[in-house]
Protein backbone atom coordinates (compact mmCIF):
# COMPACT_ATOMS: atom_id res chain seq x y z
CA MET A 1 0.36 -2.89 -45.00
CA LYS A 2 -0.29 -0.74 -42.83
CA LEU A 3 2.37 1.22 -40.45
CA ILE A 4 1.51 2.15 -36.58
CA ASN A 5 2.80 5.26 -35.08
CA GLU A 6 2.84 6.31 -31.28
CA TYR A 7 -0.20 7.09 -29.94
CA LYS A 8 -1.11 10.82 -29.42
CA ASN A 9 -4.53 11.58 -28.39
CA THR A 10 -5.69 14.30 -30.70
CA GLN A 11 -9.35 14.11 -30.66
CA THR A 12 -10.33 14.39 -26.96
CA VAL A 13 -9.36 17.08 -24.32
CA GLU A 14 -7.54 15.61 -20.94
CA VAL A 15 -9.20 17.38 -18.35
CA GLU A 16 -5.86 19.08 -16.87
CA GLN A 17 -5.90 21.10 -20.22
CA LEU A 18 -9.67 22.06 -19.89
CA PRO A 19 -8.84 25.41 -18.04
CA LYS A 20 -6.62 26.58 -20.89
CA TYR A 21 -10.20 25.88 -23.12
CA ILE A 22 -12.36 28.59 -21.24
CA GLY A 23 -14.52 30.03 -24.10
CA GLU A 24 -14.32 27.26 -26.68
CA THR A 25 -15.76 24.12 -27.62
CA VAL A 26 -13.90 20.35 -26.64
CA THR A 27 -14.53 16.78 -26.84
CA ILE A 28 -14.10 15.18 -23.98
CA HIS A 29 -15.11 11.33 -22.38
CA GLY A 30 -16.43 9.87 -19.35
CA SER A 31 -19.11 7.63 -17.55
CA ILE A 32 -22.53 9.92 -16.25
CA TYR A 33 -21.90 9.70 -12.77
CA LYS A 34 -25.24 11.51 -11.85
CA ILE A 35 -27.84 13.54 -13.58
CA ARG A 36 -29.86 16.24 -11.65
CA LYS A 37 -32.83 17.58 -13.56
CA MET A 38 -33.73 21.25 -12.96
CA LYS A 39 -36.87 23.42 -14.71
CA GLY A 40 -35.34 23.67 -18.16
CA PHE A 41 -32.10 22.15 -17.63
CA SER A 42 -30.27 19.19 -16.12
CA PHE A 43 -27.18 19.14 -14.20
CA VAL A 44 -24.67 16.34 -15.54
CA LEU A 45 -22.11 14.66 -13.58
CA LEU A 46 -19.28 13.29 -15.99
CA ARG A 47 -16.96 11.02 -13.81
CA THR A 48 -13.58 11.12 -15.92
CA LYS A 49 -10.23 8.58 -14.69
CA ARG A 50 -9.28 11.26 -12.05
CA ASN A 51 -12.10 13.79 -11.74
CA VAL A 52 -15.76 14.37 -11.92
CA LEU A 53 -16.78 17.34 -13.99
CA GLN A 54 -19.97 19.33 -13.82
CA CYS A 55 -21.87 19.50 -17.17
CA ILE A 56 -24.85 21.66 -17.93
CA ALA A 57 -27.81 19.97 -20.33
CA GLU A 58 -30.45 22.00 -21.92
CA GLU A 59 -33.89 20.15 -21.45
CA GLN A 60 -34.10 19.46 -25.35
CA LEU A 61 -30.67 17.40 -25.48
CA GLU A 62 -31.86 13.57 -24.79
CA LEU A 63 -29.73 12.10 -21.61
CA PRO A 64 -28.50 8.51 -21.51
CA VAL A 65 -29.02 6.75 -18.09
CA GLU A 66 -26.47 6.85 -15.30
CA GLU A 67 -23.07 4.72 -15.77
CA SER A 68 -23.43 5.39 -19.80
CA CYS A 69 -19.99 5.44 -21.45
CA VAL A 70 -20.10 9.01 -23.47
CA ARG A 71 -18.22 11.30 -25.59
CA ILE A 72 -19.36 14.90 -25.38
CA ARG A 73 -18.93 17.89 -27.18
CA ALA A 74 -19.30 20.85 -25.00
CA LYS A 75 -18.25 24.63 -24.24
CA VAL A 76 -15.92 25.28 -21.42
CA VAL A 77 -17.74 28.17 -19.35
CA GLU A 78 -15.90 29.87 -16.47
CA GLU A 79 -17.80 29.17 -13.42
CA GLU A 80 -16.68 30.51 -10.05
CA ARG A 81 -18.93 28.66 -7.92
CA CYS A 82 -17.91 25.26 -9.45
CA ARG A 83 -15.15 23.49 -7.55
CA ALA A 84 -13.30 23.28 -10.62
CA GLY A 85 -13.36 27.25 -11.55
CA TYR A 86 -15.76 26.20 -14.63
CA GLU A 87 -18.56 23.59 -16.09
CA LEU A 88 -19.10 22.11 -19.34
CA HIS A 89 -22.28 23.22 -21.05
CA ILE A 90 -23.19 19.97 -23.49
CA GLN A 91 -23.64 20.75 -27.27
CA GLN A 92 -23.92 16.93 -28.11
CA ILE A 93 -23.75 13.58 -26.59
CA GLU A 94 -22.63 10.56 -28.50
CA VAL A 95 -23.35 7.34 -26.52
CA LEU A 96 -20.50 4.76 -26.54
CA SER A 97 -22.36 1.97 -23.93
CA VAL A 98 -25.06 1.79 -21.91
CA PRO A 99 -25.37 -0.35 -18.90
CA ALA A 100 -27.17 -3.61 -18.74
CA GLU A 101 -29.31 -3.24 -15.50
CA ALA A 102 -29.37 -0.24 -12.70
CA SER A 103 -26.29 -0.64 -10.33
CA PRO A 104 -27.33 -3.04 -6.92
CA ILE A 105 -25.71 -0.47 -5.09
CA VAL A 106 -26.02 3.38 -5.05
CA ILE A 107 -22.48 4.66 -5.71
CA ASN A 108 -22.94 8.36 -6.83
CA GLN A 109 -23.26 9.81 -3.81
CA LYS A 110 -20.91 11.34 -1.21
CA LEU A 111 -20.52 7.86 0.48
CA VAL A 112 -21.41 4.51 -0.35
CA ASP A 113 -23.76 3.43 2.70
CA THR A 114 -23.80 -0.12 2.87
CA SER A 115 -21.62 -3.19 4.75
CA ILE A 116 -18.19 -4.13 4.07
CA GLU A 117 -19.15 -7.15 2.91
CA ASN A 118 -21.47 -5.47 -0.06
CA ILE A 119 -18.42 -3.22 -0.71
CA LEU A 120 -16.44 -6.27 -1.64
CA ASP A 121 -18.97 -8.19 -3.29
CA TYR A 122 -19.43 -5.47 -5.62
CA ARG A 123 -16.13 -4.26 -5.38
CA PRO A 124 -15.47 -3.31 -9.40
CA VAL A 125 -18.87 -1.15 -9.22
CA ILE A 126 -18.45 0.37 -6.02
CA LEU A 127 -14.93 1.70 -7.25
CA ARG A 128 -16.85 4.05 -9.13
CA ASN A 129 -17.55 6.09 -6.44
CA GLU A 130 -15.27 9.13 -6.38
CA LYS A 131 -14.17 8.64 -2.69
CA GLN A 132 -13.62 5.07 -3.19
CA ARG A 133 -11.37 5.04 -6.08
CA ALA A 134 -9.80 8.12 -4.75
CA ILE A 135 -8.55 5.59 -1.88
CA PHE A 136 -6.31 3.72 -4.23
CA LYS A 137 -5.39 6.66 -6.30
CA LEU A 138 -3.44 7.81 -3.19
CA GLN A 139 -2.34 4.12 -2.72
CA GLU A 140 -0.54 4.87 -6.34
CA GLY A 141 0.99 8.48 -4.91
CA ILE A 142 2.24 6.18 -1.69
CA CYS A 143 4.19 3.91 -4.17
CA GLN A 144 5.33 6.59 -6.55
CA ALA A 145 6.43 8.38 -3.41
CA PHE A 146 8.51 5.23 -2.24
CA ARG A 147 9.82 4.53 -5.81
CA THR A 148 11.11 8.02 -6.49
CA PHE A 149 12.70 8.19 -2.83
CA LEU A 150 14.92 5.14 -3.16
CA MET A 151 15.83 5.57 -6.73
CA LYS A 152 17.07 8.89 -5.50
CA GLU A 153 18.96 7.07 -2.78
CA GLN A 154 20.36 4.52 -5.15
CA PHE A 155 18.35 1.68 -5.07
CA THR A 156 17.72 -0.79 -7.91
CA GLU A 157 14.26 -2.08 -8.29
CA ILE A 158 14.26 -6.05 -8.62
CA HIS A 159 11.50 -8.40 -9.58
CA THR A 160 11.76 -11.86 -7.79
CA PRO A 161 9.98 -15.14 -7.88
CA LYS A 162 6.42 -16.05 -6.16
CA LEU A 163 6.79 -19.63 -6.90
CA VAL A 164 10.02 -20.87 -4.45
CA GLN A 165 11.30 -24.12 -2.82
CA ALA A 166 11.37 -23.02 0.61
CA GLY A 167 9.63 -20.19 2.98
CA ALA A 168 11.45 -17.35 3.94
CA GLU A 169 9.87 -16.73 7.35
CA GLY A 170 9.80 -20.69 8.20
CA GLY A 171 6.83 -22.07 9.98
CA ALA A 172 3.62 -23.59 8.20
CA ASN A 173 1.92 -20.57 7.42
CA ILE A 174 2.85 -20.66 3.48
CA PHE A 175 0.69 -22.04 0.72
CA GLN A 176 2.21 -25.27 -0.52
CA LEU A 177 1.61 -26.23 -4.56
CA ASN A 178 2.39 -29.12 -7.26
CA TYR A 179 5.08 -27.90 -9.51
CA PHE A 180 5.39 -30.19 -12.28
CA GLY A 181 5.74 -32.75 -10.05
CA GLN A 182 7.71 -31.23 -7.39
CA GLU A 183 6.59 -29.51 -3.95
CA ALA A 184 6.78 -25.81 -4.45
CA TYR A 185 5.24 -22.80 -2.19
CA LEU A 186 3.88 -18.89 -2.76
CA ALA A 187 6.15 -17.01 -1.54
CA GLN A 188 5.76 -15.38 1.93
CA SER A 189 8.23 -12.52 1.06
CA PRO A 190 11.02 -11.62 -1.23
CA GLN A 191 13.59 -12.10 1.64
CA PHE A 192 16.09 -14.68 0.20
CA TYR A 193 16.12 -12.97 -3.52
CA LYS A 194 16.79 -9.57 -2.17
CA GLN A 195 19.43 -10.23 0.28
CA MET A 196 21.11 -11.93 -2.56
CA MET A 197 20.68 -8.82 -4.86
CA VAL A 198 22.46 -6.91 -2.16
CA GLY A 199 25.52 -8.81 -3.49
CA VAL A 200 25.08 -7.41 -6.85
CA PHE A 201 23.67 -4.05 -6.66
CA GLU A 202 24.29 -3.20 -2.90
CA ARG A 203 20.63 -1.42 -2.67
CA VAL A 204 17.58 -2.66 -3.62
CA PHE A 205 13.87 -2.76 -3.51
CA GLU A 206 10.92 -4.28 -4.57
CA ILE A 207 7.17 -3.58 -4.26
CA ALA A 208 4.90 -6.79 -4.97
CA PRO A 209 2.54 -9.44 -3.71
CA VAL A 210 3.53 -12.05 -1.04
CA PHE A 211 0.79 -14.76 0.65
CA ARG A 212 0.38 -15.91 3.89
CA ALA A 213 -1.31 -18.98 4.72
CA GLU A 214 -2.70 -17.89 8.00
CA LYS A 215 -6.37 -18.83 8.89
CA HIS A 216 -7.02 -15.48 10.77
CA ASP A 217 -10.36 -13.76 10.45
CA THR A 218 -9.08 -10.52 11.73
CA SER A 219 -9.17 -6.50 10.40
CA ARG A 220 -5.47 -6.43 10.46
CA HIS A 221 -4.63 -10.02 8.10
CA LEU A 222 -4.49 -10.71 4.67
CA ASN A 223 -3.86 -13.70 2.53
CA GLU A 224 -2.26 -11.86 -0.27
CA TYR A 225 -0.84 -8.22 0.45
CA THR A 226 1.22 -5.96 -1.20
CA SER A 227 4.83 -5.74 0.60
CA VAL A 228 7.29 -2.86 0.28
CA ASP A 229 10.44 -4.29 0.86
CA PHE A 230 14.41 -2.94 0.41
CA GLU A 231 17.58 -4.28 1.14
CA MET A 232 20.90 -2.41 1.73
CA GLY A 233 24.27 -3.27 2.20
CA TYR A 234 27.58 -2.29 3.76
CA ILE A 235 25.44 -0.74 6.47
CA ARG A 236 27.11 -0.55 10.13
CA SER A 237 24.16 -1.01 12.21
CA PHE A 238 20.46 -2.10 11.77
CA GLU A 239 19.59 1.69 13.02
CA GLU A 240 20.74 3.08 9.12
CA ILE A 241 18.00 0.85 8.21
CA MET A 242 15.64 2.63 10.55
CA GLN A 243 16.80 6.27 9.41
CA MET A 244 16.13 5.23 5.76
CA GLU A 245 12.57 4.12 6.49
CA THR A 246 12.07 7.68 8.54
CA ALA A 247 13.57 9.32 5.56
CA MET A 248 11.03 7.81 3.11
CA LEU A 249 7.91 8.17 5.12
CA LYS A 250 9.01 12.05 5.62
CA PHE A 251 9.15 12.38 2.05
CA THR A 252 6.11 10.40 1.12
CA MET A 253 3.80 12.74 3.36
CA GLU A 254 5.57 15.79 1.47
CA TYR A 255 5.17 13.88 -1.97
CA LEU A 256 1.54 13.45 -1.17
CA GLN A 257 0.78 16.77 -0.20
CA GLU A 258 2.26 18.05 -3.53
CA GLN A 259 0.95 15.94 -5.90
CA TYR A 260 -2.22 14.34 -4.57
CA GLN A 261 -3.84 17.26 -2.81
CA LYS A 262 -6.97 16.39 -4.52
CA GLU A 263 -7.63 13.29 -2.96
CA LEU A 264 -6.39 14.16 0.24
CA ASP A 265 -9.43 17.09 0.27
CA LEU A 266 -11.47 14.43 -1.08
CA LEU A 267 -11.16 12.17 1.76
CA GLY A 268 -10.64 14.54 4.72
CA ILE A 269 -7.22 13.29 5.63
CA SER A 270 -4.57 15.09 7.70
CA LEU A 271 -0.80 13.84 6.65
CA PRO A 272 1.24 13.63 9.60
CA VAL A 273 4.24 15.49 10.14
CA ILE A 274 7.57 13.15 10.70
CA GLU A 275 10.72 14.79 11.46
CA SER A 276 12.20 12.07 13.65
CA ILE A 277 10.82 8.74 14.88
CA PRO A 278 11.26 7.63 18.41
CA ALA A 279 12.44 4.24 19.31
CA VAL A 280 12.21 1.79 22.33
CA ARG A 281 13.29 -1.51 23.24
CA PHE A 282 10.97 -4.24 22.80
CA LYS A 283 11.34 -5.51 26.97
CA GLU A 284 10.93 -1.33 27.93
CA ALA A 285 8.11 -0.91 25.81
CA LYS A 286 6.32 -4.27 27.56
CA GLU A 287 6.93 -2.49 30.78
CA MET A 288 6.27 1.06 29.90
CA ILE A 289 2.59 -0.54 29.30
CA SER A 290 2.37 -2.76 31.96
CA LYS A 291 3.15 0.09 34.29
CA ALA A 292 1.22 2.58 32.71
CA TYR A 293 -2.25 0.74 32.52
CA LYS A 294 -1.36 -1.37 35.23
CA ARG A 295 -1.54 -4.65 32.89
CA PRO A 296 0.47 -7.76 33.98
CA ILE A 297 2.76 -8.81 31.06
CA LEU A 298 1.42 -12.37 29.73
CA ASP A 299 3.90 -12.45 26.72
CA TRP A 300 7.22 -11.17 27.00
CA GLU A 301 8.12 -12.64 23.22
CA ASP A 302 5.95 -10.71 21.16
CA PHE A 303 2.95 -7.92 21.39
CA GLU A 304 -0.69 -8.69 21.74
CA PRO A 305 -2.58 -6.29 19.47
CA GLU A 306 -4.03 -4.16 22.38
CA GLU A 307 -0.47 -3.58 23.69
CA GLU A 308 0.62 -2.10 20.08
CA LYS A 309 -2.49 0.52 20.71
CA LEU A 310 -1.58 1.27 23.92
CA LEU A 311 2.14 2.08 23.42
CA TYR A 312 0.99 4.17 20.63
CA GLU A 313 -1.33 6.30 22.91
CA LEU A 314 1.52 6.25 25.23
CA ILE A 315 4.47 7.64 23.08
CA SER A 316 2.02 10.04 21.17
CA LYS A 317 1.12 11.56 24.46
CA GLU A 318 4.87 11.84 25.28
CA THR A 319 6.34 12.97 21.95
CA GLY A 320 3.83 13.76 20.04
CA SER A 321 4.83 11.63 17.20
CA GLU A 322 2.47 8.90 15.39
CA PHE A 323 5.17 6.58 14.59
CA VAL A 324 7.12 4.55 16.98
CA PHE A 325 9.97 2.09 16.30
CA VAL A 326 10.07 -0.91 18.60
CA THR A 327 13.77 -2.22 18.58
CA HIS A 328 15.63 -5.58 20.06
CA TYR A 329 12.86 -8.26 19.44
CA PRO A 330 13.34 -11.52 21.36
CA SER A 331 15.51 -14.39 18.98
CA VAL A 332 12.65 -16.75 18.85
CA LYS A 333 10.44 -14.97 17.43
CA ARG A 334 12.52 -13.40 14.46
CA PRO A 335 13.13 -15.71 11.21
CA PHE A 336 16.66 -17.85 11.25
CA TYR A 337 18.74 -14.87 9.32
CA ALA A 338 17.94 -11.80 11.98
CA MET A 339 21.12 -11.05 13.46
CA GLU A 340 21.75 -11.48 16.93
CA CYS A 341 22.98 -8.58 19.30
CA LYS A 342 26.61 -9.21 20.66
CA GLU A 343 25.70 -8.29 24.16
CA ASN A 344 22.84 -10.39 24.51
CA SER A 345 22.15 -13.63 22.00
CA GLU A 346 18.50 -13.68 23.29
CA GLU A 347 17.71 -10.20 21.09
CA THR A 348 18.02 -9.38 17.89
CA GLU A 349 19.40 -6.44 15.98
CA SER A 350 15.64 -6.06 14.43
CA PHE A 351 12.46 -3.79 14.82
CA ASP A 352 9.10 -3.28 14.40
CA LEU A 353 7.51 -0.17 12.99
CA LEU A 354 4.01 1.07 14.81
CA PHE A 355 1.67 3.42 13.09
CA ARG A 356 -1.34 4.52 15.00
CA GLY A 357 -0.96 1.32 16.91
CA LEU A 358 -0.50 -1.05 14.15
CA GLU A 359 2.29 -2.97 13.05
CA ILE A 360 3.23 -1.81 9.50
CA THR A 361 7.01 -2.81 9.11
CA THR A 362 9.07 -5.55 10.18
CA GLY A 363 13.31 -5.06 9.54
CA GLY A 364 16.35 -5.56 10.90
CA GLN A 365 20.05 -7.01 10.18
CA ARG A 366 20.63 -9.90 8.85
CA ILE A 367 23.59 -12.72 9.29
CA HIS A 368 26.35 -12.24 6.75
CA GLY A 369 28.71 -14.47 7.61
CA TYR A 370 28.35 -18.13 6.17
CA TYR A 371 29.67 -19.85 9.29
CA GLU A 372 27.38 -17.77 11.44
CA GLN A 373 24.61 -18.64 9.38
CA ILE A 374 24.91 -22.17 9.38
CA GLU A 375 25.26 -22.39 13.07
CA LYS A 376 21.78 -20.65 13.48
CA MET A 377 20.23 -22.75 11.11
CA LYS A 378 21.58 -25.93 13.10
CA GLN A 379 20.49 -24.52 16.32
CA ARG A 380 17.26 -24.67 15.15
CA ASN A 381 17.43 -27.79 13.87
CA MET A 382 17.02 -27.19 9.97
CA ASN A 383 18.23 -28.77 7.24
CA VAL A 384 20.68 -26.56 5.79
CA GLU A 385 20.64 -28.57 2.06
CA LEU A 386 17.50 -27.49 1.67
CA PHE A 387 18.54 -23.72 1.64
CA GLU A 388 21.86 -24.46 -0.44
CA SER A 389 20.74 -21.88 -2.93
CA TYR A 390 20.25 -19.12 -0.51
CA LEU A 391 23.66 -19.97 1.27
CA MET A 392 25.51 -19.74 -2.15
CA MET A 393 25.92 -15.78 -1.50
CA HIS A 394 26.92 -16.10 2.20
CA LYS A 395 29.93 -18.86 0.92
CA ALA A 396 30.69 -16.20 -1.95
CA GLY A 397 31.02 -13.13 0.68
CA MET A 398 28.57 -10.93 1.55
CA PRO A 399 28.43 -7.26 3.29
CA PRO A 400 27.03 -6.44 6.75
CA HIS A 401 23.04 -5.84 5.42
CA GLY A 402 19.88 -5.32 6.34
CA GLY A 403 16.34 -4.16 5.67
CA LEU A 404 12.75 -4.15 6.32
CA GLY A 405 9.35 -5.24 4.64
CA LEU A 406 5.97 -2.75 4.69
CA GLY A 407 2.72 -3.77 4.16
CA LEU A 408 0.87 -1.41 1.85
CA GLU A 409 -2.59 -1.90 2.80
CA ARG A 410 -1.69 -1.85 6.65
CA PHE A 411 0.01 1.81 6.07
CA THR A 412 -2.92 3.15 3.81
CA CYS A 413 -5.32 1.75 6.13
CA LYS A 414 -3.60 3.53 9.26
CA LEU A 415 -2.82 6.84 6.90
CA LEU A 416 -6.62 7.17 5.82
CA GLY A 417 -8.33 6.69 9.40
CA TYR A 418 -9.68 3.05 8.85
CA GLU A 419 -10.19 -0.04 11.21
CA ASN A 420 -10.21 -2.68 8.79
CA VAL A 421 -7.28 -3.39 6.11
CA ARG A 422 -9.70 -4.47 3.72
CA TYR A 423 -10.95 -1.05 2.88
CA THR A 424 -7.66 -0.21 1.60
CA THR A 425 -7.04 -3.69 -0.44
CA LEU A 426 -8.45 -3.27 -4.07
CA PHE A 427 -9.68 -6.86 -4.23
CA PRO A 428 -9.02 -8.89 -0.57
CA ARG A 429 -7.89 -12.24 -0.23
CA ASP A 430 -8.88 -13.52 2.85
CA ILE A 431 -9.91 -17.31 4.28
CA ASN A 432 -13.76 -16.30 3.10
CA ARG A 433 -12.90 -14.45 -0.18
CA LEU A 434 -11.51 -15.35 -3.25
CA VAL A 435 -14.00 -13.25 -5.76
CA PRO A 436 -14.36 -11.09 -7.25
């Protein structure tokens, strides 16, 4: 019988350790990213999981084709002209695998010069490009920052079901499926469950996929995306939720600057500075846009995408902020669990957060009283019996609470300066795409 002990990498050196091995010979693995043949030697760029290393191969050394996976023995030599401060002089190459055919897209240039359709069609290969993969390394950093901040603020991470009996947001934009003879749906959000868990842990969060059966074919919509949700109890006002998000975003910018400078430099990203975020009421925002741009107000219930961009322009000029909270949305455009304003029942204690002209967050205070929630559901002609398991928490007593959902791909998209959210979605799912 063989005993398996804990994993210890004793055969290869990690890239981060290489500066300690200047003048020594090491073993390292990766893929041949690019070969540039010179007179008497070749530059070989070795792609590792986060870095691209410059290697030197003498003429007599036989080199495999690009995208071959290799393990090399090399001497670490100090080189000030190299971005890393050193280069690897290859002594031996062990070929682990070679590609069956050449890549249909050139991926080892600074930019992948092709259409977005090709980028998505060949996603598993395109992501090997240094800048393309940096997008999702940076997205990892965003999630890590959110998680670190929320844990520091005493939130508990939860994992909620994605197969549900009823849609949290209502409407027809839910994917229906057969669940052992019963009608079921893919979850539009973890809303019901994170509210339930406020009664357990007081503060909870989740980073997970959500599904929307919307037949949109735009640069801002996906049918599956990653939602960053948090919910907090014992709040005095829905402004506390906005304050928490402001602090979370400020922490995230600082975290990325500290931990992901490599990717920021590679992508040429300048992070926004966040001290505070301005907030404007929905009606006031509508009137501001109408007055400044001489636009008639055609919809008093929601924003048009163009209005979001125009509001960003106004707020940015006035305050310098790239973010703006829009508060007190009309009740008719908010879900049945949204708390209505005490002074005006046609408005809600809710908000959206716009970032560089795009809505990235929706949040607000929820109805926590059982009878109040029942009454609002009846006003909307909802079948209360279908929501018995959701209402169980209200019956048992709930503190004042609220929360938000942030679209990770949208946030990353605007942070990196893209116009299409598919660039910052690992494998997008929209009305036209189910592969790869």
